[in-house]
Amino acid sequence: MTDSLRDQLLGLGFKPAPKPERQPRHQPNPRKAGKPGKPGGTRQAQGAQKPKPNRPSKGGGEMDLGKAYAIRAQREKEDRIEAERQKQEAARLRREARARLVEFLDGKGLNAEEADIARHFEYGGKIKRIFVTAEQLKSLNAGALGVVQNGGRYLLVDAETLAGAEAIFAEAVALKVDPNAPAEADPYGDPRYQVPDDLVW
């Protein structure tokens, strides 16, 4: 009998045993990797797969808050710049108005050298005075004359000049009497009211 036992078994319908598959060398050994749930080698793998806590990204609420602070700071800066610009503009307008007033009042002062009556008035929160004659005092109290502050001096001017000075620079008008106002509105308008010259205000 020449057929081997293997050939006879194959002839009876038996199948050959499958050959064992070889594991590739680059795959890790499943025993070394460890089973899930057991301590040891799985800690590192589990730690790598552990989800990180949720942190606000740079594009989230912190960025919005930072933008809000930046916008507010920018607006405050712009407001300060605008306020300073308006302040400088107001100062420029005042200088120009004063310059026009000086030119307007040139040669229009009525101050008399012989004036010996002190007419007191309130201006800038302080009591000021101008020396006038008896006739000028009557005209001043009647509203026909007025007083304008110009370059540190007080000029006595007529009503028309006073109105022009007020139109140019209203702050320069130091005394403008309303003849229809009650007497208590201007206590210094009474000719009998005299303030001693040596009195310190």
N, C-alpha and C. Protein backbone atom coordinates (compact mmCIF):
# COMPACT_ATOMS: atom_id res chain seq x y z
N MET A 1 0.88 -1.16 0.00
CA MET A 1 0.00 0.00 0.00
C MET A 1 0.90 1.20 0.00
N THR A 2 0.79 1.96 -1.11
CA THR A 2 1.73 3.06 -1.27
C THR A 2 1.21 4.36 -0.69
N ASP A 3 -0.12 4.46 -0.57
CA ASP A 3 -0.65 5.74 -0.05
C ASP A 3 -0.31 5.86 1.43
N SER A 4 0.08 7.09 1.77
CA SER A 4 0.38 7.35 3.19
C SER A 4 -0.93 7.51 3.96
N LEU A 5 -0.79 7.48 5.24
CA LEU A 5 -1.97 7.63 6.11
C LEU A 5 -2.64 8.97 5.87
N ARG A 6 -1.84 9.97 5.60
CA ARG A 6 -2.41 11.31 5.37
C ARG A 6 -3.25 11.32 4.11
N ASP A 7 -2.74 10.69 3.05
CA ASP A 7 -3.48 10.66 1.79
C ASP A 7 -4.77 9.86 1.95
N GLN A 8 -4.72 8.76 2.74
CA GLN A 8 -5.93 7.96 2.95
C GLN A 8 -6.99 8.75 3.72
N LEU A 9 -6.56 9.53 4.71
CA LEU A 9 -7.52 10.32 5.49
C LEU A 9 -8.13 11.42 4.64
N LEU A 10 -7.33 12.03 3.80
CA LEU A 10 -7.86 13.06 2.90
C LEU A 10 -8.86 12.45 1.94
N GLY A 11 -8.59 11.20 1.51
CA GLY A 11 -9.51 10.53 0.60
C GLY A 11 -10.83 10.21 1.26
N LEU A 12 -10.84 9.99 2.58
CA LEU A 12 -12.08 9.70 3.29
C LEU A 12 -12.87 10.99 3.61
N GLY A 13 -12.35 12.17 3.32
CA GLY A 13 -13.09 13.42 3.53
C GLY A 13 -12.56 14.30 4.65
N PHE A 14 -11.48 13.87 5.29
CA PHE A 14 -10.90 14.72 6.34
C PHE A 14 -10.15 15.89 5.72
N LYS A 15 -10.26 17.05 6.34
CA LYS A 15 -9.59 18.26 5.86
C LYS A 15 -8.28 18.44 6.60
N PRO A 16 -7.31 18.97 5.89
CA PRO A 16 -6.03 19.20 6.58
C PRO A 16 -6.15 20.27 7.66
N ALA A 17 -5.40 20.13 8.71
CA ALA A 17 -5.43 21.09 9.83
C ALA A 17 -4.90 22.44 9.35
N PRO A 18 -5.57 23.56 9.73
CA PRO A 18 -5.09 24.89 9.30
C PRO A 18 -3.77 25.23 9.97
N LYS A 19 -2.93 25.94 9.21
CA LYS A 19 -1.62 26.35 9.75
C LYS A 19 -1.81 27.57 10.66
N PRO A 20 -1.10 27.58 11.78
CA PRO A 20 -1.22 28.75 12.70
C PRO A 20 -0.69 30.03 12.03
N GLU A 21 -1.46 31.16 12.21
CA GLU A 21 -1.04 32.44 11.64
C GLU A 21 0.05 33.07 12.50
N ARG A 22 1.02 33.68 11.81
CA ARG A 22 2.09 34.37 12.53
C ARG A 22 1.68 35.81 12.86
N GLN A 23 1.98 36.24 14.08
CA GLN A 23 1.67 37.62 14.46
C GLN A 23 2.75 38.56 13.95
N PRO A 24 2.34 39.69 13.41
CA PRO A 24 3.37 40.64 12.96
C PRO A 24 4.20 41.14 14.13
N ARG A 25 5.49 41.44 13.86
CA ARG A 25 6.40 41.85 14.93
C ARG A 25 6.09 43.23 15.50
N HIS A 26 5.48 44.11 14.67
CA HIS A 26 5.27 45.48 15.15
C HIS A 26 4.08 45.60 16.09
N GLN A 27 3.19 44.58 16.18
CA GLN A 27 2.06 44.66 17.09
C GLN A 27 2.51 44.35 18.50
N PRO A 28 2.00 45.13 19.48
CA PRO A 28 2.40 44.87 20.88
C PRO A 28 1.77 43.58 21.39
N ASN A 29 2.44 43.02 22.34
CA ASN A 29 1.96 41.79 22.98
C ASN A 29 0.73 42.13 23.81
N PRO A 30 -0.39 41.47 23.57
CA PRO A 30 -1.60 41.81 24.35
C PRO A 30 -1.43 41.58 25.83
N ARG A 31 -0.56 40.68 26.21
CA ARG A 31 -0.36 40.44 27.66
C ARG A 31 0.32 41.62 28.32
N LYS A 32 1.28 42.24 27.58
CA LYS A 32 2.00 43.37 28.17
C LYS A 32 1.12 44.61 28.23
N ALA A 33 0.21 44.75 27.27
CA ALA A 33 -0.64 45.94 27.26
C ALA A 33 -1.59 45.94 28.43
N GLY A 34 -1.94 44.76 28.92
CA GLY A 34 -2.82 44.67 30.07
C GLY A 34 -4.27 44.73 29.68
N LYS A 35 -5.11 44.24 30.54
CA LYS A 35 -6.53 44.22 30.26
C LYS A 35 -7.18 45.46 30.88
N PRO A 36 -8.24 45.94 30.23
CA PRO A 36 -8.92 47.12 30.80
C PRO A 36 -9.47 46.82 32.17
N GLY A 37 -9.33 47.83 33.05
CA GLY A 37 -9.87 47.66 34.40
C GLY A 37 -8.86 47.18 35.38
N LYS A 38 -7.71 46.65 34.96
CA LYS A 38 -6.70 46.16 35.89
C LYS A 38 -5.63 47.20 36.08
N PRO A 39 -5.09 47.29 37.30
CA PRO A 39 -3.99 48.24 37.52
C PRO A 39 -2.73 47.75 36.84
N GLY A 40 -1.76 48.60 36.75
CA GLY A 40 -0.49 48.19 36.16
C GLY A 40 -0.26 48.91 34.86
N GLY A 41 -0.10 48.12 33.80
CA GLY A 41 0.23 48.67 32.50
C GLY A 41 -0.88 49.49 31.89
N THR A 42 -2.09 49.38 32.40
CA THR A 42 -3.20 50.10 31.78
C THR A 42 -3.28 51.54 32.26
N ARG A 43 -2.55 51.94 33.34
CA ARG A 43 -2.69 53.29 33.87
C ARG A 43 -2.25 54.34 32.86
N GLN A 44 -1.15 54.05 32.21
CA GLN A 44 -0.64 55.02 31.26
C GLN A 44 -1.59 55.18 30.08
N ALA A 45 -2.12 54.01 29.61
CA ALA A 45 -3.05 54.07 28.49
C ALA A 45 -4.33 54.78 28.89
N GLN A 46 -4.80 54.48 30.12
CA GLN A 46 -6.03 55.13 30.58
C GLN A 46 -5.81 56.62 30.79
N GLY A 47 -4.61 56.95 31.32
CA GLY A 47 -4.32 58.37 31.54
C GLY A 47 -4.27 59.13 30.24
N ALA A 48 -3.78 58.47 29.18
CA ALA A 48 -3.70 59.15 27.89
C ALA A 48 -5.08 59.36 27.31
N GLN A 49 -6.01 58.44 27.62
CA GLN A 49 -7.35 58.55 27.05
C GLN A 49 -8.29 59.35 27.92
N LYS A 50 -7.85 59.74 29.12
CA LYS A 50 -8.72 60.47 30.05
C LYS A 50 -9.02 61.86 29.48
N PRO A 51 -10.28 62.21 29.38
CA PRO A 51 -10.61 63.53 28.81
C PRO A 51 -10.14 64.66 29.72
N LYS A 52 -9.63 65.74 29.10
CA LYS A 52 -9.15 66.90 29.86
C LYS A 52 -10.34 67.74 30.30
N PRO A 53 -10.21 68.41 31.46
CA PRO A 53 -11.32 69.27 31.92
C PRO A 53 -11.55 70.40 30.93
N ASN A 54 -12.81 70.78 30.83
CA ASN A 54 -13.16 71.86 29.90
C ASN A 54 -12.65 73.19 30.42
N ARG A 55 -11.85 73.85 29.61
CA ARG A 55 -11.33 75.17 29.96
C ARG A 55 -11.81 76.17 28.92
N PRO A 56 -12.10 77.42 29.39
CA PRO A 56 -12.54 78.40 28.39
C PRO A 56 -11.44 78.72 27.42
N SER A 57 -11.75 78.62 26.18
CA SER A 57 -10.76 78.90 25.16
C SER A 57 -10.49 80.39 25.09
N LYS A 58 -9.40 80.70 24.41
CA LYS A 58 -9.03 82.11 24.27
C LYS A 58 -10.09 82.90 23.51
N GLY A 59 -10.87 82.21 22.74
CA GLY A 59 -11.90 82.91 21.99
C GLY A 59 -13.23 82.96 22.71
N GLY A 60 -13.28 82.58 24.00
CA GLY A 60 -14.53 82.53 24.74
C GLY A 60 -14.79 83.78 25.54
N GLY A 61 -15.33 83.58 26.78
CA GLY A 61 -15.75 84.70 27.62
C GLY A 61 -14.62 85.61 28.02
N GLU A 62 -13.41 85.03 28.27
CA GLU A 62 -12.30 85.87 28.68
C GLU A 62 -11.93 86.85 27.58
N MET A 63 -11.96 86.43 26.36
CA MET A 63 -11.64 87.31 25.25
C MET A 63 -12.68 88.42 25.14
N ASP A 64 -13.98 88.08 25.33
CA ASP A 64 -15.03 89.08 25.26
C ASP A 64 -14.87 90.11 26.37
N LEU A 65 -14.52 89.67 27.58
CA LEU A 65 -14.31 90.59 28.69
C LEU A 65 -13.13 91.50 28.42
N GLY A 66 -12.08 90.92 27.88
CA GLY A 66 -10.91 91.72 27.54
C GLY A 66 -11.23 92.76 26.47
N LYS A 67 -12.02 92.37 25.49
CA LYS A 67 -12.43 93.31 24.45
C LYS A 67 -13.26 94.44 25.04
N ALA A 68 -14.15 94.09 25.99
CA ALA A 68 -15.00 95.11 26.61
C ALA A 68 -14.16 96.14 27.36
N TYR A 69 -13.16 95.65 28.11
CA TYR A 69 -12.27 96.57 28.83
C TYR A 69 -11.49 97.44 27.85
N ALA A 70 -11.03 96.84 26.77
CA ALA A 70 -10.26 97.59 25.78
C ALA A 70 -11.13 98.66 25.12
N ILE A 71 -12.37 98.31 24.81
CA ILE A 71 -13.28 99.27 24.18
C ILE A 71 -13.58 100.42 25.15
N ARG A 72 -13.81 100.07 26.43
CA ARG A 72 -14.10 101.12 27.40
C ARG A 72 -12.91 102.04 27.60
N ALA A 73 -11.72 101.46 27.67
CA ALA A 73 -10.51 102.26 27.82
C ALA A 73 -10.31 103.18 26.62
N GLN A 74 -10.60 102.67 25.43
CA GLN A 74 -10.46 103.48 24.22
C GLN A 74 -11.46 104.63 24.23
N ARG A 75 -12.68 104.34 24.66
CA ARG A 75 -13.70 105.40 24.70
C ARG A 75 -13.33 106.46 25.74
N GLU A 76 -12.84 106.04 26.91
CA GLU A 76 -12.43 107.00 27.93
C GLU A 76 -11.29 107.87 27.41
N LYS A 77 -10.38 107.26 26.69
CA LYS A 77 -9.27 108.02 26.11
C LYS A 77 -9.78 109.04 25.10
N GLU A 78 -10.72 108.61 24.26
CA GLU A 78 -11.29 109.52 23.27
C GLU A 78 -12.06 110.65 23.93
N ASP A 79 -12.76 110.33 25.06
CA ASP A 79 -13.50 111.38 25.78
C ASP A 79 -12.54 112.40 26.37
N ARG A 80 -11.42 111.91 26.93
CA ARG A 80 -10.43 112.84 27.50
C ARG A 80 -9.83 113.72 26.42
N ILE A 81 -9.54 113.13 25.28
CA ILE A 81 -8.97 113.90 24.18
C ILE A 81 -9.98 114.95 23.70
N GLU A 82 -11.25 114.56 23.60
CA GLU A 82 -12.28 115.50 23.15
C GLU A 82 -12.48 116.62 24.17
N ALA A 83 -12.48 116.26 25.47
CA ALA A 83 -12.63 117.29 26.51
C ALA A 83 -11.47 118.28 26.47
N GLU A 84 -10.27 117.76 26.28
CA GLU A 84 -9.10 118.64 26.19
C GLU A 84 -9.18 119.51 24.95
N ARG A 85 -9.66 118.93 23.85
CA ARG A 85 -9.80 119.71 22.62
C ARG A 85 -10.80 120.85 22.81
N GLN A 86 -11.92 120.54 23.45
CA GLN A 86 -12.93 121.57 23.70
C GLN A 86 -12.40 122.65 24.64
N LYS A 87 -11.62 122.22 25.64
CA LYS A 87 -11.03 123.18 26.58
C LYS A 87 -10.08 124.13 25.85
N GLN A 88 -9.24 123.57 25.00
CA GLN A 88 -8.31 124.39 24.24
C GLN A 88 -9.04 125.31 23.26
N GLU A 89 -10.13 124.79 22.67
CA GLU A 89 -10.90 125.60 21.75
C GLU A 89 -11.56 126.77 22.48
N ALA A 90 -12.10 126.49 23.69
CA ALA A 90 -12.72 127.56 24.47
C ALA A 90 -11.69 128.61 24.87
N ALA A 91 -10.49 128.16 25.26
CA ALA A 91 -9.43 129.10 25.61
C ALA A 91 -9.03 129.95 24.41
N ARG A 92 -8.98 129.33 23.24
CA ARG A 92 -8.63 130.07 22.03
C ARG A 92 -9.68 131.14 21.72
N LEU A 93 -10.96 130.77 21.86
CA LEU A 93 -12.04 131.71 21.60
C LEU A 93 -12.01 132.86 22.60
N ARG A 94 -11.67 132.57 23.85
CA ARG A 94 -11.58 133.62 24.88
C ARG A 94 -10.45 134.59 24.54
N ARG A 95 -9.31 134.05 24.13
CA ARG A 95 -8.18 134.93 23.77
C ARG A 95 -8.55 135.83 22.60
N GLU A 96 -9.20 135.24 21.61
CA GLU A 96 -9.60 136.04 20.45
C GLU A 96 -10.62 137.10 20.83
N ALA A 97 -11.57 136.73 21.70
CA ALA A 97 -12.59 137.70 22.13
C ALA A 97 -11.96 138.84 22.92
N ARG A 98 -11.03 138.51 23.78
CA ARG A 98 -10.36 139.56 24.57
C ARG A 98 -9.57 140.49 23.66
N ALA A 99 -8.93 139.91 22.66
CA ALA A 99 -8.17 140.75 21.72
C ALA A 99 -9.10 141.69 20.96
N ARG A 100 -10.26 141.20 20.54
CA ARG A 100 -11.22 142.07 19.86
C ARG A 100 -11.76 143.13 20.80
N LEU A 101 -11.94 142.75 22.08
CA LEU A 101 -12.45 143.71 23.06
C LEU A 101 -11.46 144.85 23.29
N VAL A 102 -10.19 144.51 23.39
CA VAL A 102 -9.17 145.55 23.58
C VAL A 102 -9.21 146.54 22.42
N GLU A 103 -9.32 146.02 21.23
CA GLU A 103 -9.38 146.88 20.05
C GLU A 103 -10.66 147.70 20.04
N PHE A 104 -11.77 147.09 20.45
CA PHE A 104 -13.06 147.78 20.46
C PHE A 104 -13.10 148.92 21.48
N LEU A 105 -12.48 148.71 22.64
CA LEU A 105 -12.54 149.70 23.72
C LEU A 105 -11.49 150.79 23.59
N ASP A 106 -10.63 150.67 22.62
CA ASP A 106 -9.56 151.66 22.47
C ASP A 106 -10.13 153.07 22.31
N GLY A 107 -9.77 153.94 23.25
CA GLY A 107 -10.20 155.34 23.21
C GLY A 107 -11.61 155.60 23.66
N LYS A 108 -12.32 154.57 24.21
CA LYS A 108 -13.72 154.76 24.61
C LYS A 108 -13.90 154.83 26.13
N GLY A 109 -12.82 154.78 26.87
CA GLY A 109 -12.93 154.88 28.32
C GLY A 109 -13.27 156.29 28.77
N LEU A 110 -14.13 156.40 29.78
CA LEU A 110 -14.57 157.69 30.31
C LEU A 110 -14.02 157.97 31.69
N ASN A 111 -13.03 157.24 32.12
CA ASN A 111 -12.45 157.45 33.45
C ASN A 111 -11.87 158.86 33.53
N ALA A 112 -12.24 159.58 34.60
CA ALA A 112 -11.80 160.97 34.78
C ALA A 112 -10.71 161.03 35.84
N GLU A 113 -9.70 161.85 35.57
CA GLU A 113 -8.60 161.98 36.52
C GLU A 113 -9.06 162.63 37.82
N GLU A 114 -10.05 163.51 37.72
CA GLU A 114 -10.54 164.22 38.91
C GLU A 114 -11.55 163.42 39.71
N ALA A 115 -11.87 162.19 39.26
CA ALA A 115 -12.86 161.37 39.96
C ALA A 115 -12.37 161.04 41.36
N ASP A 116 -13.23 161.25 42.34
CA ASP A 116 -12.85 161.01 43.73
C ASP A 116 -13.89 160.22 44.52
N ILE A 117 -14.93 159.76 43.84
CA ILE A 117 -15.96 158.99 44.52
C ILE A 117 -15.78 157.52 44.15
N ALA A 118 -15.65 156.68 45.16
CA ALA A 118 -15.46 155.25 44.93
C ALA A 118 -16.82 154.57 44.76
N ARG A 119 -17.03 154.02 43.61
CA ARG A 119 -18.27 153.26 43.35
C ARG A 119 -17.92 151.78 43.41
N HIS A 120 -18.43 151.11 44.45
CA HIS A 120 -18.13 149.70 44.66
C HIS A 120 -19.14 148.81 43.92
N PHE A 121 -18.70 147.66 43.53
CA PHE A 121 -19.56 146.70 42.84
C PHE A 121 -18.95 145.31 43.01
N GLU A 122 -19.78 144.33 42.82
CA GLU A 122 -19.31 142.94 42.94
C GLU A 122 -18.99 142.40 41.56
N TYR A 123 -17.82 141.79 41.46
CA TYR A 123 -17.41 141.22 40.17
C TYR A 123 -16.46 140.05 40.43
N GLY A 124 -16.76 138.91 39.85
CA GLY A 124 -15.92 137.72 40.04
C GLY A 124 -15.91 137.22 41.46
N GLY A 125 -17.01 137.46 42.19
CA GLY A 125 -17.10 136.99 43.57
C GLY A 125 -16.37 137.87 44.56
N LYS A 126 -15.88 139.04 44.10
CA LYS A 126 -15.18 139.95 45.00
C LYS A 126 -15.73 141.36 44.83
N ILE A 127 -15.49 142.19 45.84
CA ILE A 127 -15.92 143.58 45.79
C ILE A 127 -14.84 144.41 45.12
N LYS A 128 -15.20 145.05 44.02
CA LYS A 128 -14.28 145.91 43.28
C LYS A 128 -14.76 147.35 43.38
N ARG A 129 -13.94 148.29 42.88
CA ARG A 129 -14.35 149.68 42.90
C ARG A 129 -13.78 150.44 41.71
N ILE A 130 -14.46 151.50 41.35
CA ILE A 130 -14.00 152.40 40.31
C ILE A 130 -14.28 153.83 40.79
N PHE A 131 -13.37 154.72 40.54
CA PHE A 131 -13.55 156.10 40.96
C PHE A 131 -14.27 156.88 39.87
N VAL A 132 -15.32 157.60 40.29
CA VAL A 132 -16.13 158.37 39.36
C VAL A 132 -16.39 159.76 39.95
N THR A 133 -16.86 160.64 39.10
CA THR A 133 -17.29 161.96 39.57
C THR A 133 -18.74 161.85 40.04
N ALA A 134 -19.24 162.88 40.65
CA ALA A 134 -20.62 162.88 41.14
C ALA A 134 -21.59 162.72 39.98
N GLU A 135 -21.31 163.39 38.88
CA GLU A 135 -22.18 163.29 37.72
C GLU A 135 -22.14 161.88 37.11
N GLN A 136 -20.94 161.31 37.04
CA GLN A 136 -20.80 159.96 36.51
C GLN A 136 -21.49 158.94 37.40
N LEU A 137 -21.46 159.18 38.71
CA LEU A 137 -22.11 158.25 39.63
C LEU A 137 -23.61 158.20 39.37
N LYS A 138 -24.23 159.36 39.13
CA LYS A 138 -25.66 159.40 38.84
C LYS A 138 -25.96 158.65 37.54
N SER A 139 -25.14 158.89 36.54
CA SER A 139 -25.35 158.22 35.25
C SER A 139 -25.12 156.71 35.37
N LEU A 140 -24.14 156.35 36.17
CA LEU A 140 -23.84 154.92 36.36
C LEU A 140 -24.99 154.22 37.05
N ASN A 141 -25.54 154.84 38.09
CA ASN A 141 -26.66 154.24 38.81
C ASN A 141 -27.95 154.26 38.00
N ALA A 142 -28.02 155.13 37.01
CA ALA A 142 -29.21 155.20 36.15
C ALA A 142 -29.10 154.25 34.96
N GLY A 143 -27.96 153.60 34.79
CA GLY A 143 -27.79 152.66 33.69
C GLY A 143 -27.29 153.30 32.42
N ALA A 144 -26.99 154.62 32.46
CA ALA A 144 -26.48 155.31 31.27
C ALA A 144 -25.01 155.02 31.05
N LEU A 145 -24.31 154.59 32.10
CA LEU A 145 -22.91 154.22 32.02
C LEU A 145 -22.74 152.81 32.56
N GLY A 146 -21.62 152.22 32.27
CA GLY A 146 -21.32 150.89 32.78
C GLY A 146 -19.82 150.72 32.96
N VAL A 147 -19.41 149.56 33.50
CA VAL A 147 -18.00 149.29 33.77
C VAL A 147 -17.61 147.99 33.07
N VAL A 148 -16.48 148.06 32.39
CA VAL A 148 -15.95 146.90 31.69
C VAL A 148 -14.55 146.61 32.20
N GLN A 149 -14.26 145.34 32.45
CA GLN A 149 -12.92 144.93 32.86
C GLN A 149 -12.10 144.68 31.60
N ASN A 150 -10.96 145.37 31.52
CA ASN A 150 -10.14 145.26 30.32
C ASN A 150 -8.67 145.34 30.69
N GLY A 151 -7.97 144.20 30.51
CA GLY A 151 -6.54 144.19 30.80
C GLY A 151 -6.20 144.48 32.24
N GLY A 152 -7.01 144.05 33.17
CA GLY A 152 -6.75 144.28 34.59
C GLY A 152 -7.25 145.62 35.09
N ARG A 153 -7.79 146.47 34.22
CA ARG A 153 -8.33 147.77 34.61
C ARG A 153 -9.83 147.78 34.42
N TYR A 154 -10.48 148.72 35.11
CA TYR A 154 -11.92 148.88 34.99
C TYR A 154 -12.20 150.18 34.27
N LEU A 155 -12.84 150.07 33.11
CA LEU A 155 -13.14 151.22 32.29
C LEU A 155 -14.60 151.63 32.44
N LEU A 156 -14.79 152.91 32.61
CA LEU A 156 -16.14 153.47 32.63
C LEU A 156 -16.52 153.80 31.19
N VAL A 157 -17.63 153.24 30.71
CA VAL A 157 -18.04 153.42 29.31
C VAL A 157 -19.52 153.76 29.26
N ASP A 158 -19.95 154.30 28.12
CA ASP A 158 -21.38 154.60 27.96
C ASP A 158 -22.15 153.32 27.68
N ALA A 159 -23.47 153.42 27.69
CA ALA A 159 -24.33 152.24 27.56
C ALA A 159 -24.15 151.55 26.22
N GLU A 160 -23.94 152.35 25.16
CA GLU A 160 -23.77 151.76 23.83
C GLU A 160 -22.49 150.94 23.76
N THR A 161 -21.41 151.50 24.31
CA THR A 161 -20.13 150.77 24.33
C THR A 161 -20.24 149.53 25.21
N LEU A 162 -20.97 149.66 26.30
CA LEU A 162 -21.15 148.52 27.20
C LEU A 162 -21.86 147.37 26.48
N ALA A 163 -22.88 147.71 25.68
CA ALA A 163 -23.61 146.69 24.93
C ALA A 163 -22.70 146.02 23.91
N GLY A 164 -21.85 146.83 23.23
CA GLY A 164 -20.94 146.26 22.26
C GLY A 164 -19.91 145.34 22.91
N ALA A 165 -19.42 145.75 24.08
CA ALA A 165 -18.45 144.92 24.81
C ALA A 165 -19.09 143.62 25.27
N GLU A 166 -20.35 143.70 25.66
CA GLU A 166 -21.06 142.49 26.11
C GLU A 166 -21.25 141.52 24.96
N ALA A 167 -21.49 142.05 23.76
CA ALA A 167 -21.66 141.19 22.59
C ALA A 167 -20.35 140.52 22.21
N ILE A 168 -19.24 141.18 22.44
CA ILE A 168 -17.93 140.61 22.09
C ILE A 168 -17.48 139.60 23.14
N PHE A 169 -17.55 140.00 24.41
CA PHE A 169 -17.08 139.13 25.50
C PHE A 169 -17.85 139.48 26.75
N ALA A 170 -18.95 138.75 26.98
CA ALA A 170 -19.88 139.08 28.06
C ALA A 170 -19.22 139.02 29.43
N GLU A 171 -18.22 138.17 29.60
CA GLU A 171 -17.59 138.03 30.91
C GLU A 171 -16.84 139.29 31.34
N ALA A 172 -16.56 140.16 30.38
CA ALA A 172 -15.80 141.38 30.69
C ALA A 172 -16.68 142.47 31.30
N VAL A 173 -18.00 142.31 31.20
CA VAL A 173 -18.90 143.32 31.77
C VAL A 173 -18.88 143.20 33.28
N ALA A 174 -18.34 144.22 33.93
CA ALA A 174 -18.18 144.18 35.39
C ALA A 174 -19.36 144.81 36.12
N LEU A 175 -19.95 145.85 35.54
CA LEU A 175 -21.09 146.51 36.19
C LEU A 175 -22.05 147.02 35.13
N LYS A 176 -23.25 146.49 35.19
CA LYS A 176 -24.33 146.94 34.30
C LYS A 176 -25.56 147.11 35.16
N VAL A 177 -25.94 148.35 35.35
CA VAL A 177 -27.03 148.66 36.28
C VAL A 177 -28.35 148.67 35.52
N ASP A 178 -29.34 147.98 36.10
CA ASP A 178 -30.71 148.03 35.57
C ASP A 178 -31.47 149.07 36.38
N PRO A 179 -31.81 150.19 35.77
CA PRO A 179 -32.48 151.24 36.54
C PRO A 179 -33.83 150.83 37.08
N ASN A 180 -34.43 149.80 36.51
CA ASN A 180 -35.75 149.34 36.97
C ASN A 180 -35.65 148.27 38.07
N ALA A 181 -34.43 147.85 38.39
CA ALA A 181 -34.25 146.83 39.42
C ALA A 181 -34.46 147.45 40.80
N PRO A 182 -34.95 146.66 41.78
CA PRO A 182 -35.13 147.20 43.14
C PRO A 182 -33.80 147.63 43.74
N ALA A 183 -33.85 148.54 44.67
CA ALA A 183 -32.63 149.11 45.25
C ALA A 183 -31.78 148.05 45.94
N GLU A 184 -32.44 147.05 46.56
CA GLU A 184 -31.67 146.04 47.29
C GLU A 184 -30.87 145.14 46.36
N ALA A 185 -31.17 145.17 45.07
CA ALA A 185 -30.42 144.34 44.12
C ALA A 185 -29.00 144.84 43.96
N ASP A 186 -28.77 146.14 44.19
CA ASP A 186 -27.42 146.71 44.09
C ASP A 186 -27.21 147.65 45.27
N PRO A 187 -26.84 147.10 46.43
CA PRO A 187 -26.69 147.95 47.62
C PRO A 187 -25.61 149.01 47.47
N TYR A 188 -24.67 148.81 46.56
CA TYR A 188 -23.59 149.78 46.40
C TYR A 188 -24.00 150.96 45.51
N GLY A 189 -25.21 150.93 44.97
CA GLY A 189 -25.65 151.99 44.08
C GLY A 189 -26.08 153.24 44.82
N ASP A 190 -26.33 153.14 46.12
CA ASP A 190 -26.75 154.30 46.91
C ASP A 190 -25.56 155.24 47.08
N PRO A 191 -25.66 156.47 46.64
CA PRO A 191 -24.54 157.41 46.77
C PRO A 191 -24.10 157.61 48.21
N ARG A 192 -25.04 157.40 49.15
CA ARG A 192 -24.68 157.58 50.56
C ARG A 192 -23.87 156.41 51.10
N TYR A 193 -23.88 155.32 50.33
CA TYR A 193 -23.15 154.14 50.79
C TYR A 193 -21.68 154.29 50.44
N GLN A 194 -20.86 154.42 51.45
CA GLN A 194 -19.43 154.58 51.24
C GLN A 194 -18.69 153.50 52.00
N VAL A 195 -17.74 152.89 51.35
CA VAL A 195 -16.90 151.88 51.97
C VAL A 195 -15.56 152.52 52.26
N PRO A 196 -15.08 152.47 53.49
CA PRO A 196 -13.78 153.09 53.80
C PRO A 196 -12.69 152.54 52.90
N ASP A 197 -11.79 153.42 52.44
CA ASP A 197 -10.73 153.00 51.54
C ASP A 197 -9.74 152.06 52.22
N ASP A 198 -9.63 152.17 53.55
CA ASP A 198 -8.65 151.34 54.25
C ASP A 198 -9.23 149.99 54.66
N LEU A 199 -10.49 149.73 54.27
CA LEU A 199 -11.12 148.46 54.63
C LEU A 199 -10.60 147.37 53.71
N VAL A 200 -10.11 146.27 54.32
CA VAL A 200 -9.58 145.16 53.53
C VAL A 200 -10.71 144.18 53.28
N TRP A 201 -10.91 143.85 52.01
CA TRP A 201 -11.95 142.89 51.62
C TRP A 201 -11.34 141.53 51.41
